[in-house]
């Protein structure tokens, strides 16, 4: 048993020598390095609460008062106006850029237009239906295009009528 303890001591004791020159060199290098100066933390400015008095000021927790004067815009009597009371059609939520004429149904005088949206849905339109956000009313449907009359707002409260065509799309790219 003594022999085993002696053998273990012979292997463990050489690790306890002062052969740590590399550690001493590293410590000396760290001590020689230039230290960085840390900026001084700025002083904290003390908060001074503002005293609120409601005399002559509006209560910030109450709803604002309604304006006493209403601004009225007069529109000329002879300007065309769109019908705002009618219910909107399904194609009025799409811009004309995102719609394509896909084809037609029917015969020469009784044609319906097929309009495809950007999402791929196909809608059937007839004369008098509305398309697009600018109150575009379908005026005429031919085999090559759908003619619309759109109403564009001018700067003076009037609406100007402009004719637009939705041409038949090239179906090979679909």
N, C-alpha and C. Protein backbone atom coordinates (compact mmCIF):
# COMPACT_ATOMS: atom_id res chain seq x y z
N UNK A 1 0.81 -1.18 0.00
CA UNK A 1 0.00 0.00 0.00
C UNK A 1 0.86 1.25 0.00
N UNK A 2 1.96 1.18 0.75
CA UNK A 2 2.88 2.33 0.78
C UNK A 2 3.48 2.58 -0.59
N UNK A 3 3.66 1.53 -1.30
CA UNK A 3 4.27 1.68 -2.62
C UNK A 3 3.32 2.46 -3.53
N UNK A 4 2.04 2.16 -3.43
CA UNK A 4 1.08 2.87 -4.27
C UNK A 4 1.03 4.36 -3.93
N UNK A 5 1.06 4.67 -2.66
CA UNK A 5 1.04 6.08 -2.25
C UNK A 5 2.30 6.77 -2.72
N UNK A 6 3.41 6.10 -2.65
CA UNK A 6 4.68 6.67 -3.09
C UNK A 6 4.66 6.93 -4.60
N UNK A 7 4.11 6.00 -5.36
CA UNK A 7 4.05 6.16 -6.82
C UNK A 7 3.12 7.35 -7.17
N UNK A 8 2.00 7.45 -6.51
CA UNK A 8 1.07 8.56 -6.77
C UNK A 8 1.71 9.88 -6.41
N UNK A 9 2.42 9.93 -5.30
CA UNK A 9 3.09 11.16 -4.87
C UNK A 9 4.16 11.57 -5.86
N UNK A 10 4.84 10.62 -6.46
CA UNK A 10 5.89 10.95 -7.44
C UNK A 10 5.29 11.59 -8.70
N UNK A 11 4.08 11.18 -9.07
CA UNK A 11 3.45 11.76 -10.25
C UNK A 11 2.76 13.10 -9.97
N UNK A 12 2.27 13.31 -8.76
CA UNK A 12 1.52 14.52 -8.44
C UNK A 12 2.44 15.66 -8.04
N UNK A 13 3.49 15.39 -7.27
CA UNK A 13 4.36 16.43 -6.73
C UNK A 13 5.10 17.24 -7.80
N UNK A 14 5.49 16.70 -8.94
CA UNK A 14 6.18 17.54 -9.93
C UNK A 14 5.27 18.66 -10.47
N UNK A 15 3.97 18.53 -10.41
CA UNK A 15 3.06 19.59 -10.85
C UNK A 15 3.04 20.77 -9.90
N UNK A 16 3.55 20.63 -8.73
CA UNK A 16 3.53 21.70 -7.74
C UNK A 16 4.80 22.54 -7.78
N UNK A 17 5.65 22.35 -8.71
CA UNK A 17 6.88 23.15 -8.79
C UNK A 17 6.54 24.55 -9.27
N UNK A 18 7.48 25.45 -9.17
CA UNK A 18 7.26 26.83 -9.57
C UNK A 18 7.65 27.05 -11.03
N UNK A 19 7.24 26.17 -11.89
CA UNK A 19 7.48 26.28 -13.32
C UNK A 19 6.29 27.02 -13.96
N UNK A 20 6.02 28.25 -13.57
CA UNK A 20 4.90 29.02 -14.10
C UNK A 20 5.39 30.33 -14.73
N UNK A 21 6.47 30.23 -15.45
CA UNK A 21 7.05 31.41 -16.10
C UNK A 21 6.09 32.03 -17.11
N UNK A 22 5.35 31.23 -17.87
CA UNK A 22 4.43 31.77 -18.87
C UNK A 22 3.29 32.56 -18.20
N UNK A 23 2.85 32.12 -17.03
CA UNK A 23 1.80 32.83 -16.31
C UNK A 23 2.33 34.16 -15.79
N UNK A 24 3.54 34.19 -15.30
CA UNK A 24 4.14 35.42 -14.79
C UNK A 24 4.34 36.41 -15.94
N UNK A 25 4.73 35.94 -17.12
CA UNK A 25 4.90 36.82 -18.28
C UNK A 25 3.57 37.45 -18.68
N UNK A 26 2.50 36.67 -18.69
CA UNK A 26 1.19 37.20 -19.08
C UNK A 26 0.72 38.26 -18.07
N UNK A 27 0.89 38.02 -16.81
CA UNK A 27 0.49 38.99 -15.79
C UNK A 27 1.27 40.28 -15.96
N UNK A 28 2.55 40.21 -16.24
CA UNK A 28 3.37 41.42 -16.45
C UNK A 28 2.91 42.19 -17.69
N UNK A 29 2.53 41.48 -18.76
CA UNK A 29 2.03 42.15 -19.98
C UNK A 29 0.73 42.89 -19.69
N UNK A 30 -0.15 42.28 -18.92
CA UNK A 30 -1.43 42.92 -18.60
C UNK A 30 -1.20 44.15 -17.74
N UNK A 31 -0.27 44.10 -16.82
CA UNK A 31 0.00 45.25 -15.95
C UNK A 31 0.60 46.41 -16.73
N UNK A 32 1.35 46.12 -17.79
CA UNK A 32 2.01 47.16 -18.57
C UNK A 32 1.02 47.86 -19.52
N UNK A 33 -0.06 47.19 -19.90
CA UNK A 33 -1.02 47.78 -20.84
C UNK A 33 -1.53 49.12 -20.32
N UNK A 34 -1.81 49.99 -21.30
CA UNK A 34 -2.35 51.30 -20.93
C UNK A 34 -3.83 51.16 -20.60
N UNK A 35 -4.23 51.73 -19.51
CA UNK A 35 -5.63 51.62 -19.09
C UNK A 35 -6.45 52.69 -19.80
N UNK A 36 -7.69 52.34 -20.09
CA UNK A 36 -8.59 53.28 -20.74
C UNK A 36 -9.32 54.08 -19.67
N UNK A 37 -9.50 55.36 -19.98
CA UNK A 37 -10.22 56.22 -19.04
C UNK A 37 -11.72 56.12 -19.32
N UNK A 38 -12.48 55.86 -18.32
CA UNK A 38 -13.93 55.76 -18.45
C UNK A 38 -14.50 57.16 -18.26
N UNK A 39 -15.44 57.53 -19.16
CA UNK A 39 -16.06 58.85 -19.04
C UNK A 39 -16.83 58.96 -17.75
N UNK A 40 -16.83 60.15 -17.23
CA UNK A 40 -17.56 60.40 -16.00
C UNK A 40 -19.06 60.39 -16.28
N UNK A 41 -19.81 59.75 -15.41
CA UNK A 41 -21.25 59.69 -15.57
C UNK A 41 -21.81 61.09 -15.33
N UNK A 42 -22.67 61.59 -16.26
CA UNK A 42 -23.19 62.95 -16.08
C UNK A 42 -24.12 63.01 -14.87
N UNK A 43 -24.19 64.22 -14.31
CA UNK A 43 -25.07 64.42 -13.16
C UNK A 43 -26.52 64.32 -13.60
N UNK A 44 -27.33 63.76 -12.76
CA UNK A 44 -28.75 63.60 -13.04
C UNK A 44 -29.45 64.91 -12.72
N UNK A 45 -30.23 65.39 -13.70
CA UNK A 45 -30.98 66.63 -13.49
C UNK A 45 -32.24 66.27 -12.71
N UNK A 46 -32.48 66.99 -11.68
CA UNK A 46 -33.66 66.69 -10.87
C UNK A 46 -34.92 67.15 -11.58
N UNK A 47 -35.98 66.37 -11.45
CA UNK A 47 -37.25 66.65 -12.09
C UNK A 47 -38.03 67.65 -11.25
N UNK A 48 -38.48 68.71 -11.92
CA UNK A 48 -39.29 69.71 -11.23
C UNK A 48 -40.69 69.60 -11.80
N UNK A 49 -41.68 69.16 -11.03
CA UNK A 49 -43.04 69.03 -11.55
C UNK A 49 -43.66 70.39 -11.81
N UNK A 50 -44.50 70.43 -12.85
CA UNK A 50 -45.20 71.66 -13.22
C UNK A 50 -46.53 71.70 -12.50
N UNK A 51 -46.81 72.81 -11.93
CA UNK A 51 -48.09 72.97 -11.24
C UNK A 51 -49.15 73.35 -12.27
N UNK A 52 -50.26 72.61 -12.30
CA UNK A 52 -51.34 72.87 -13.25
C UNK A 52 -52.49 73.55 -12.51
N UNK A 53 -52.94 74.64 -13.10
CA UNK A 53 -54.14 75.27 -12.58
C UNK A 53 -55.11 75.41 -13.74
N UNK A 54 -56.38 75.06 -13.51
CA UNK A 54 -57.33 75.06 -14.60
C UNK A 54 -57.87 76.43 -14.95
N UNK A 55 -57.44 77.44 -14.37
CA UNK A 55 -57.95 78.78 -14.65
C UNK A 55 -57.47 79.24 -16.02
N UNK A 56 -58.40 79.35 -16.94
CA UNK A 56 -58.07 79.85 -18.28
C UNK A 56 -57.50 78.79 -19.21
N UNK A 57 -57.31 77.58 -18.77
CA UNK A 57 -56.76 76.52 -19.61
C UNK A 57 -57.81 75.43 -19.82
N UNK A 58 -57.65 74.68 -20.88
CA UNK A 58 -58.55 73.57 -21.17
C UNK A 58 -58.16 72.37 -20.31
N UNK A 59 -59.14 71.65 -19.82
CA UNK A 59 -58.89 70.45 -19.03
C UNK A 59 -58.33 69.37 -19.97
N UNK A 60 -57.13 68.85 -19.73
CA UNK A 60 -56.55 67.88 -20.66
C UNK A 60 -57.26 66.53 -20.64
N UNK A 61 -58.10 66.29 -19.63
CA UNK A 61 -58.79 65.00 -19.52
C UNK A 61 -60.21 65.04 -20.06
N UNK A 62 -60.66 66.19 -20.55
CA UNK A 62 -62.01 66.32 -21.09
C UNK A 62 -61.94 66.35 -22.61
N UNK A 63 -63.02 65.92 -23.26
CA UNK A 63 -63.08 65.97 -24.72
C UNK A 63 -63.05 67.42 -25.18
N UNK A 64 -62.41 67.70 -26.32
CA UNK A 64 -62.41 69.07 -26.82
C UNK A 64 -63.81 69.50 -27.23
N UNK A 65 -64.05 70.77 -27.15
CA UNK A 65 -65.36 71.31 -27.53
C UNK A 65 -65.51 71.30 -29.04
N UNK A 66 -66.73 71.11 -29.48
CA UNK A 66 -67.02 71.15 -30.91
C UNK A 66 -66.83 72.57 -31.41
N UNK A 67 -66.42 72.67 -32.66
CA UNK A 67 -66.25 73.99 -33.27
C UNK A 67 -67.62 74.65 -33.41
N UNK A 68 -67.67 75.90 -33.11
CA UNK A 68 -68.94 76.62 -33.15
C UNK A 68 -69.35 76.93 -34.58
N UNK A 69 -68.38 77.08 -35.48
CA UNK A 69 -68.69 77.48 -36.84
C UNK A 69 -68.46 76.30 -37.77
N UNK A 70 -69.40 76.01 -38.64
CA UNK A 70 -69.25 74.96 -39.63
C UNK A 70 -68.75 75.58 -40.92
N UNK A 71 -67.83 74.89 -41.55
CA UNK A 71 -67.33 75.36 -42.83
C UNK A 71 -68.16 74.71 -43.92
N UNK A 72 -68.76 75.50 -44.76
CA UNK A 72 -69.58 74.96 -45.84
C UNK A 72 -68.89 75.24 -47.16
N UNK A 73 -68.85 74.22 -47.98
CA UNK A 73 -68.27 74.35 -49.30
C UNK A 73 -69.42 74.36 -50.29
N UNK A 74 -69.50 75.40 -51.05
CA UNK A 74 -70.59 75.48 -52.02
C UNK A 74 -70.09 74.92 -53.35
N UNK A 75 -70.88 74.01 -53.89
CA UNK A 75 -70.54 73.45 -55.19
C UNK A 75 -71.46 74.09 -56.22
N UNK A 76 -70.93 74.38 -57.39
CA UNK A 76 -71.77 74.97 -58.43
C UNK A 76 -72.91 74.02 -58.81
N UNK A 77 -74.03 74.59 -59.19
CA UNK A 77 -75.23 73.80 -59.49
C UNK A 77 -75.10 73.00 -60.78
N UNK A 78 -74.33 73.49 -61.75
CA UNK A 78 -74.30 72.84 -63.05
C UNK A 78 -73.20 71.79 -63.19
N UNK A 79 -72.52 71.44 -62.12
CA UNK A 79 -71.45 70.42 -62.17
C UNK A 79 -72.05 69.02 -62.10
N UNK A 80 -71.51 68.09 -62.89
CA UNK A 80 -71.97 66.70 -62.73
C UNK A 80 -71.48 66.14 -61.39
N UNK A 81 -72.31 65.36 -60.73
CA UNK A 81 -71.99 64.78 -59.43
C UNK A 81 -72.27 63.28 -59.49
N UNK A 82 -71.41 62.45 -58.88
CA UNK A 82 -71.71 61.02 -58.82
C UNK A 82 -72.84 60.76 -57.83
N UNK A 83 -73.46 59.63 -57.97
CA UNK A 83 -74.54 59.23 -57.07
C UNK A 83 -73.91 58.54 -55.86
N UNK A 84 -73.81 59.24 -54.74
CA UNK A 84 -73.19 58.69 -53.55
C UNK A 84 -74.15 57.79 -52.77
N UNK A 85 -75.44 57.85 -53.05
CA UNK A 85 -76.40 57.06 -52.28
C UNK A 85 -76.55 55.63 -52.79
N UNK A 86 -76.02 55.32 -53.96
CA UNK A 86 -76.16 53.97 -54.50
C UNK A 86 -75.21 53.02 -53.79
N UNK A 87 -75.55 51.74 -53.81
CA UNK A 87 -74.67 50.74 -53.18
C UNK A 87 -73.53 50.41 -54.13
N UNK A 88 -72.37 50.18 -53.56
CA UNK A 88 -71.16 49.92 -54.36
C UNK A 88 -71.17 48.50 -54.91
N UNK A 89 -70.64 48.35 -56.11
CA UNK A 89 -70.53 47.04 -56.73
C UNK A 89 -69.24 46.35 -56.32
N UNK A 90 -69.11 45.06 -56.60
CA UNK A 90 -67.92 44.32 -56.17
C UNK A 90 -66.64 44.75 -56.89
N UNK A 91 -66.75 45.28 -58.09
CA UNK A 91 -65.56 45.69 -58.85
C UNK A 91 -65.09 47.10 -58.51
N UNK A 92 -65.80 47.81 -57.66
CA UNK A 92 -65.39 49.18 -57.32
C UNK A 92 -64.28 49.22 -56.29
N UNK A 93 -63.96 48.08 -55.69
CA UNK A 93 -62.85 48.07 -54.74
C UNK A 93 -61.51 47.84 -55.43
N UNK A 94 -61.53 47.51 -56.73
CA UNK A 94 -60.30 47.28 -57.49
C UNK A 94 -59.96 48.51 -58.32
N UNK A 95 -58.66 48.80 -58.46
CA UNK A 95 -58.26 49.86 -59.39
C UNK A 95 -58.28 49.28 -60.80
N UNK A 96 -58.37 50.16 -61.78
CA UNK A 96 -58.43 49.67 -63.17
C UNK A 96 -57.13 48.99 -63.58
N UNK A 97 -56.02 49.35 -62.93
CA UNK A 97 -54.75 48.72 -63.25
C UNK A 97 -54.73 47.23 -62.88
N UNK A 98 -55.53 46.86 -61.89
CA UNK A 98 -55.53 45.46 -61.44
C UNK A 98 -56.65 44.65 -62.09
N UNK A 99 -57.36 45.22 -63.07
CA UNK A 99 -58.44 44.53 -63.76
C UNK A 99 -58.10 44.34 -65.24
N UNK A 100 -58.54 43.23 -65.80
CA UNK A 100 -58.35 42.94 -67.22
C UNK A 100 -59.67 42.49 -67.80
N UNK A 101 -59.92 42.88 -69.06
CA UNK A 101 -61.08 42.32 -69.77
C UNK A 101 -60.66 40.93 -70.21
N UNK A 102 -61.43 39.94 -69.80
CA UNK A 102 -61.08 38.54 -70.06
C UNK A 102 -61.79 37.99 -71.29
N UNK A 103 -62.96 38.58 -71.63
CA UNK A 103 -63.71 38.12 -72.78
C UNK A 103 -65.13 38.65 -72.73
N UNK A 104 -66.01 38.06 -73.55
CA UNK A 104 -67.40 38.48 -73.59
C UNK A 104 -68.30 37.25 -73.59
N UNK A 105 -69.56 37.49 -73.22
CA UNK A 105 -70.61 36.48 -73.30
C UNK A 105 -71.78 37.09 -74.06
N UNK A 106 -72.52 36.29 -74.80
CA UNK A 106 -73.72 36.79 -75.47
C UNK A 106 -73.54 36.96 -76.95
N UNK A 107 -74.49 37.70 -77.54
CA UNK A 107 -74.47 37.96 -78.98
C UNK A 107 -74.22 39.43 -79.22
N UNK A 108 -74.14 39.82 -80.48
CA UNK A 108 -73.72 41.16 -80.89
C UNK A 108 -74.31 42.30 -80.05
N UNK A 109 -75.63 42.42 -79.96
CA UNK A 109 -76.22 43.57 -79.26
C UNK A 109 -76.35 43.34 -77.76
N UNK A 110 -76.37 42.10 -77.32
CA UNK A 110 -76.55 41.79 -75.90
C UNK A 110 -75.28 41.12 -75.37
N UNK A 111 -74.24 41.92 -75.19
CA UNK A 111 -72.96 41.39 -74.71
C UNK A 111 -72.77 41.69 -73.22
N UNK A 112 -72.22 40.75 -72.53
CA UNK A 112 -71.73 40.96 -71.18
C UNK A 112 -70.22 40.88 -71.23
N UNK A 113 -69.57 41.68 -70.46
CA UNK A 113 -68.12 41.63 -70.40
C UNK A 113 -67.66 40.75 -69.25
N UNK A 114 -66.57 40.04 -69.46
CA UNK A 114 -65.95 39.24 -68.40
C UNK A 114 -64.69 39.98 -67.96
N UNK A 115 -64.64 40.31 -66.68
CA UNK A 115 -63.52 41.07 -66.14
C UNK A 115 -62.82 40.21 -65.10
N UNK A 116 -61.49 40.10 -65.22
CA UNK A 116 -60.70 39.30 -64.28
C UNK A 116 -59.93 40.24 -63.36
N UNK A 117 -60.01 39.98 -62.06
CA UNK A 117 -59.27 40.79 -61.08
C UNK A 117 -57.86 40.23 -60.91
N UNK A 118 -57.02 40.95 -60.18
CA UNK A 118 -55.65 40.51 -59.96
C UNK A 118 -55.60 39.25 -59.11
N UNK A 119 -56.66 38.96 -58.34
CA UNK A 119 -56.70 37.75 -57.52
C UNK A 119 -57.17 36.54 -58.33
N UNK A 120 -57.57 36.74 -59.59
CA UNK A 120 -57.98 35.63 -60.45
C UNK A 120 -59.48 35.44 -60.54
N UNK A 121 -60.26 36.20 -59.79
CA UNK A 121 -61.72 36.09 -59.86
C UNK A 121 -62.21 36.68 -61.18
N UNK A 122 -63.26 36.09 -61.72
CA UNK A 122 -63.85 36.59 -62.96
C UNK A 122 -65.25 37.09 -62.66
N UNK A 123 -65.54 38.33 -63.08
CA UNK A 123 -66.83 38.96 -62.84
C UNK A 123 -67.51 39.22 -64.19
N UNK A 124 -68.84 39.13 -64.20
CA UNK A 124 -69.62 39.46 -65.39
C UNK A 124 -70.18 40.86 -65.21
N UNK A 125 -69.97 41.73 -66.21
CA UNK A 125 -70.48 43.10 -66.14
C UNK A 125 -71.37 43.37 -67.34
N UNK A 126 -72.32 44.27 -67.15
CA UNK A 126 -73.23 44.70 -68.21
C UNK A 126 -73.21 46.23 -68.25
N UNK A 127 -73.83 46.80 -69.26
CA UNK A 127 -73.92 48.25 -69.35
C UNK A 127 -74.66 48.77 -68.12
N UNK A 128 -74.11 49.83 -67.52
CA UNK A 128 -74.71 50.42 -66.33
C UNK A 128 -74.03 49.98 -65.03
N UNK A 129 -73.21 48.92 -65.08
CA UNK A 129 -72.47 48.49 -63.88
C UNK A 129 -71.32 49.46 -63.63
N UNK A 130 -70.79 49.43 -62.40
CA UNK A 130 -69.70 50.33 -62.03
C UNK A 130 -68.43 49.52 -61.78
N UNK A 131 -67.31 50.08 -62.25
CA UNK A 131 -66.00 49.44 -62.11
C UNK A 131 -65.00 50.49 -61.64
N UNK A 132 -64.14 50.14 -60.70
CA UNK A 132 -63.03 51.00 -60.27
C UNK A 132 -63.44 52.02 -59.23
N UNK A 133 -62.44 52.68 -58.63
CA UNK A 133 -62.71 53.61 -57.53
C UNK A 133 -63.21 54.98 -57.98
N UNK A 134 -63.13 55.28 -59.28
CA UNK A 134 -63.50 56.60 -59.78
C UNK A 134 -64.90 56.62 -60.38
N UNK A 135 -65.83 55.87 -59.81
CA UNK A 135 -67.22 55.86 -60.26
C UNK A 135 -67.31 55.55 -61.75
N UNK A 136 -66.53 54.56 -62.21
CA UNK A 136 -66.49 54.20 -63.63
C UNK A 136 -67.72 53.40 -64.03
N UNK A 137 -68.59 54.01 -64.81
CA UNK A 137 -69.83 53.37 -65.25
C UNK A 137 -69.61 52.75 -66.63
N UNK A 138 -70.01 51.49 -66.78
CA UNK A 138 -69.85 50.80 -68.06
C UNK A 138 -70.85 51.39 -69.05
N UNK A 139 -70.34 51.94 -70.15
CA UNK A 139 -71.18 52.55 -71.18
C UNK A 139 -71.41 51.62 -72.36
N UNK A 140 -70.36 50.90 -72.77
CA UNK A 140 -70.46 50.08 -73.97
C UNK A 140 -69.52 48.88 -73.84
N UNK A 141 -69.97 47.74 -74.32
CA UNK A 141 -69.14 46.54 -74.31
C UNK A 141 -69.02 46.04 -75.74
N UNK A 142 -67.78 45.91 -76.21
CA UNK A 142 -67.53 45.34 -77.53
C UNK A 142 -66.69 44.07 -77.32
N UNK A 143 -66.36 43.40 -78.41
CA UNK A 143 -65.57 42.18 -78.29
C UNK A 143 -64.11 42.47 -77.97
N UNK A 144 -63.66 43.72 -78.12
CA UNK A 144 -62.26 44.04 -77.88
C UNK A 144 -62.01 44.97 -76.70
N UNK A 145 -63.04 45.64 -76.19
CA UNK A 145 -62.84 46.53 -75.04
C UNK A 145 -64.16 46.81 -74.33
N UNK A 146 -64.02 47.33 -73.11
CA UNK A 146 -65.16 47.81 -72.33
C UNK A 146 -64.95 49.30 -72.15
N UNK A 147 -65.95 50.10 -72.57
CA UNK A 147 -65.83 51.55 -72.47
C UNK A 147 -66.49 52.02 -71.17
N UNK A 148 -65.77 52.83 -70.40
CA UNK A 148 -66.26 53.36 -69.13
C UNK A 148 -66.29 54.87 -69.19
N UNK A 149 -67.18 55.47 -68.40
CA UNK A 149 -67.11 56.91 -68.18
C UNK A 149 -66.85 57.09 -66.68
N UNK A 150 -65.66 57.59 -66.36
CA UNK A 150 -65.25 57.78 -64.98
C UNK A 150 -65.49 59.23 -64.58
N UNK A 151 -65.66 59.45 -63.29
CA UNK A 151 -65.84 60.80 -62.77
C UNK A 151 -64.64 61.13 -61.89
N UNK A 152 -63.91 62.16 -62.28
CA UNK A 152 -62.72 62.59 -61.56
C UNK A 152 -63.02 63.91 -60.87
N UNK A 153 -62.63 64.02 -59.61
CA UNK A 153 -62.88 65.23 -58.83
C UNK A 153 -61.89 66.32 -59.24
N UNK A 154 -62.42 67.50 -59.53
CA UNK A 154 -61.57 68.65 -59.83
C UNK A 154 -61.33 69.41 -58.54
N UNK A 155 -60.50 70.41 -58.57
CA UNK A 155 -60.16 71.15 -57.37
C UNK A 155 -61.24 72.11 -56.91
N UNK A 156 -62.30 72.29 -57.65
CA UNK A 156 -63.33 73.28 -57.31
C UNK A 156 -64.62 72.65 -56.84
N UNK A 157 -64.59 71.36 -56.48
CA UNK A 157 -65.79 70.69 -56.01
C UNK A 157 -66.63 70.10 -57.12
N UNK A 158 -66.21 70.25 -58.34
CA UNK A 158 -66.94 69.68 -59.48
C UNK A 158 -66.33 68.34 -59.85
N UNK A 159 -67.07 67.59 -60.62
CA UNK A 159 -66.60 66.30 -61.12
C UNK A 159 -66.52 66.38 -62.63
N UNK A 160 -65.45 65.88 -63.19
CA UNK A 160 -65.25 65.90 -64.63
C UNK A 160 -65.39 64.48 -65.15
N UNK A 161 -66.13 64.32 -66.24
CA UNK A 161 -66.34 63.00 -66.82
C UNK A 161 -65.22 62.73 -67.82
N UNK A 162 -64.63 61.53 -67.71
CA UNK A 162 -63.59 61.15 -68.67
C UNK A 162 -63.86 59.73 -69.13
N UNK A 163 -63.64 59.48 -70.41
CA UNK A 163 -63.88 58.16 -70.97
C UNK A 163 -62.61 57.34 -70.90
N UNK A 164 -62.77 56.08 -70.53
CA UNK A 164 -61.66 55.15 -70.38
C UNK A 164 -62.06 53.83 -71.02
N UNK A 165 -61.08 53.12 -71.55
CA UNK A 165 -61.34 51.81 -72.14
C UNK A 165 -60.53 50.75 -71.38
N UNK A 166 -61.17 49.65 -71.13
CA UNK A 166 -60.51 48.48 -70.53
C UNK A 166 -60.36 47.48 -71.68
N UNK A 167 -59.14 47.34 -72.24
CA UNK A 167 -58.97 46.50 -73.43
C UNK A 167 -58.95 45.01 -73.09
N UNK A 168 -59.21 44.21 -74.11
CA UNK A 168 -59.13 42.76 -73.98
C UNK A 168 -57.68 42.37 -73.70
N UNK A 169 -57.47 41.56 -72.68
CA UNK A 169 -56.09 41.21 -72.31
C UNK A 169 -55.59 40.07 -73.19
N UNK A 170 -54.26 39.98 -73.26
CA UNK A 170 -53.62 38.89 -73.98
C UNK A 170 -53.68 37.66 -73.09
N UNK A 171 -54.50 36.68 -73.41
CA UNK A 171 -54.75 35.56 -72.53
C UNK A 171 -53.67 34.50 -72.58
N UNK A 172 -52.73 34.60 -73.51
CA UNK A 172 -51.65 33.61 -73.59
C UNK A 172 -50.70 33.73 -72.42
N UNK A 173 -50.56 34.96 -71.84
CA UNK A 173 -49.63 35.16 -70.72
C UNK A 173 -50.22 34.66 -69.42
N UNK A 174 -51.52 34.29 -69.39
CA UNK A 174 -52.17 33.84 -68.15
C UNK A 174 -51.78 32.43 -67.82
